[in-house]
Amino acid sequence: MDKVKIEVMADGWTIWIGNRRYQWDHNEPDLGTKALAVLFTDLGHEVAVEEVC
């Protein structure tokens, strides 16, 4: 099983799974949902991102 490493910075985060990197920084308006969707898709899940007001 691959090691998961989560790096937290003042302006975002990075998740490493093996040699794969998923990241978000404050310049991206999606709050990291796109990176998380890719991560979960890569893990084999079906993902739907919905904005709820």
N, C-alpha and C. Protein backbone atom coordinates (compact mmCIF):
# COMPACT_ATOMS: atom_id res chain seq x y z
N MET A 1 0.86 -1.18 0.00
CA MET A 1 0.00 0.00 0.00
C MET A 1 0.90 1.24 0.00
N ASP A 2 0.53 2.23 -0.80
CA ASP A 2 1.31 3.47 -0.89
C ASP A 2 1.15 4.33 0.36
N LYS A 3 2.22 5.01 0.71
CA LYS A 3 2.21 5.96 1.82
C LYS A 3 1.48 7.23 1.38
N VAL A 4 0.66 7.77 2.25
CA VAL A 4 -0.04 9.04 1.99
C VAL A 4 0.63 10.10 2.84
N LYS A 5 1.02 11.19 2.18
CA LYS A 5 1.65 12.32 2.88
C LYS A 5 0.82 13.56 2.58
N ILE A 6 0.42 14.28 3.62
CA ILE A 6 -0.36 15.51 3.46
C ILE A 6 0.51 16.67 3.94
N GLU A 7 0.74 17.62 3.04
CA GLU A 7 1.51 18.81 3.37
C GLU A 7 0.53 19.99 3.44
N VAL A 8 0.58 20.72 4.55
CA VAL A 8 -0.29 21.87 4.74
C VAL A 8 0.57 23.13 4.75
N MET A 9 0.22 24.07 3.88
CA MET A 9 0.92 25.34 3.82
C MET A 9 -0.07 26.45 4.18
N ALA A 10 0.43 27.64 4.39
CA ALA A 10 -0.43 28.77 4.72
C ALA A 10 -1.38 29.11 3.58
N ASP A 11 -0.98 28.77 2.35
CA ASP A 11 -1.79 29.13 1.19
C ASP A 11 -2.33 27.94 0.42
N GLY A 12 -2.37 26.75 1.03
CA GLY A 12 -2.93 25.60 0.33
C GLY A 12 -2.48 24.28 0.92
N TRP A 13 -2.60 23.20 0.13
CA TRP A 13 -2.20 21.88 0.59
C TRP A 13 -1.76 21.03 -0.59
N THR A 14 -1.02 19.98 -0.27
CA THR A 14 -0.60 18.98 -1.24
C THR A 14 -0.77 17.61 -0.60
N ILE A 15 -1.32 16.67 -1.35
CA ILE A 15 -1.43 15.29 -0.91
C ILE A 15 -0.60 14.44 -1.86
N TRP A 16 0.31 13.66 -1.32
CA TRP A 16 1.12 12.72 -2.08
C TRP A 16 0.64 11.31 -1.77
N ILE A 17 0.37 10.54 -2.81
CA ILE A 17 0.08 9.11 -2.67
C ILE A 17 1.05 8.41 -3.61
N GLY A 18 2.03 7.74 -3.02
CA GLY A 18 3.11 7.20 -3.84
C GLY A 18 3.83 8.35 -4.52
N ASN A 19 3.92 8.29 -5.84
CA ASN A 19 4.56 9.39 -6.58
C ASN A 19 3.55 10.33 -7.23
N ARG A 20 2.27 10.19 -6.90
CA ARG A 20 1.21 11.05 -7.44
C ARG A 20 1.00 12.23 -6.50
N ARG A 21 0.81 13.41 -7.10
CA ARG A 21 0.62 14.64 -6.32
C ARG A 21 -0.73 15.26 -6.65
N TYR A 22 -1.47 15.64 -5.63
CA TYR A 22 -2.74 16.35 -5.75
C TYR A 22 -2.59 17.61 -4.91
N GLN A 23 -2.88 18.77 -5.51
CA GLN A 23 -2.63 19.98 -4.73
C GLN A 23 -3.64 21.07 -5.03
N TRP A 24 -3.70 22.02 -4.10
CA TRP A 24 -4.54 23.20 -4.22
C TRP A 24 -3.80 24.36 -3.58
N ASP A 25 -3.93 25.54 -4.17
CA ASP A 25 -3.42 26.74 -3.51
C ASP A 25 -4.47 27.83 -3.57
N HIS A 26 -4.27 28.87 -2.79
CA HIS A 26 -5.28 29.92 -2.61
C HIS A 26 -5.62 30.66 -3.90
N ASN A 27 -4.84 30.53 -4.95
CA ASN A 27 -5.15 31.20 -6.22
C ASN A 27 -6.22 30.46 -7.03
N GLU A 28 -6.55 29.25 -6.63
CA GLU A 28 -7.58 28.47 -7.32
C GLU A 28 -8.90 28.64 -6.56
N PRO A 29 -9.94 29.14 -7.22
CA PRO A 29 -11.19 29.45 -6.53
C PRO A 29 -12.04 28.25 -6.12
N ASP A 30 -11.63 27.04 -6.50
CA ASP A 30 -12.48 25.86 -6.25
C ASP A 30 -12.29 25.24 -4.86
N LEU A 31 -11.45 25.83 -4.02
CA LEU A 31 -11.17 25.35 -2.66
C LEU A 31 -10.63 23.92 -2.65
N GLY A 32 -10.04 23.48 -3.75
CA GLY A 32 -9.42 22.16 -3.81
C GLY A 32 -10.32 21.04 -4.26
N THR A 33 -11.57 21.35 -4.59
CA THR A 33 -12.50 20.28 -4.97
C THR A 33 -12.08 19.58 -6.27
N LYS A 34 -11.48 20.29 -7.20
CA LYS A 34 -11.03 19.64 -8.44
C LYS A 34 -9.92 18.64 -8.15
N ALA A 35 -8.95 19.02 -7.32
CA ALA A 35 -7.86 18.11 -6.97
C ALA A 35 -8.40 16.90 -6.21
N LEU A 36 -9.33 17.11 -5.31
CA LEU A 36 -9.92 16.00 -4.57
C LEU A 36 -10.72 15.08 -5.48
N ALA A 37 -11.43 15.65 -6.44
CA ALA A 37 -12.18 14.83 -7.40
C ALA A 37 -11.24 13.94 -8.20
N VAL A 38 -10.12 14.49 -8.65
CA VAL A 38 -9.13 13.69 -9.39
C VAL A 38 -8.57 12.60 -8.50
N LEU A 39 -8.23 12.93 -7.26
CA LEU A 39 -7.71 11.95 -6.32
C LEU A 39 -8.67 10.79 -6.14
N PHE A 40 -9.94 11.09 -5.85
CA PHE A 40 -10.92 10.03 -5.63
C PHE A 40 -11.20 9.25 -6.90
N THR A 41 -11.19 9.89 -8.05
CA THR A 41 -11.34 9.19 -9.33
C THR A 41 -10.18 8.22 -9.53
N ASP A 42 -8.96 8.68 -9.27
CA ASP A 42 -7.79 7.81 -9.39
C ASP A 42 -7.86 6.62 -8.44
N LEU A 43 -8.55 6.78 -7.32
CA LEU A 43 -8.72 5.69 -6.37
C LEU A 43 -9.87 4.76 -6.75
N GLY A 44 -10.56 5.07 -7.86
CA GLY A 44 -11.61 4.19 -8.36
C GLY A 44 -13.03 4.58 -8.00
N HIS A 45 -13.24 5.77 -7.46
CA HIS A 45 -14.58 6.20 -7.07
C HIS A 45 -15.20 7.05 -8.17
N GLU A 46 -16.51 6.99 -8.28
CA GLU A 46 -17.24 7.91 -9.15
C GLU A 46 -17.47 9.18 -8.35
N VAL A 47 -17.17 10.33 -8.94
CA VAL A 47 -17.20 11.58 -8.20
C VAL A 47 -18.14 12.58 -8.88
N ALA A 48 -18.94 13.26 -8.09
CA ALA A 48 -19.76 14.37 -8.56
C ALA A 48 -19.50 15.56 -7.64
N VAL A 49 -19.09 16.67 -8.21
CA VAL A 49 -18.87 17.89 -7.44
C VAL A 49 -20.07 18.79 -7.67
N GLU A 50 -20.76 19.17 -6.61
CA GLU A 50 -21.95 19.99 -6.72
C GLU A 50 -21.82 21.20 -5.80
N GLU A 51 -22.17 22.36 -6.32
CA GLU A 51 -22.19 23.56 -5.48
C GLU A 51 -23.54 23.64 -4.79
N VAL A 52 -23.51 23.79 -3.49
CA VAL A 52 -24.74 23.86 -2.70
C VAL A 52 -24.79 25.22 -2.05
N CYS A 53 -25.88 25.94 -2.24
CA CYS A 53 -26.01 27.28 -1.66
C CYS A 53 -26.96 27.28 -0.50
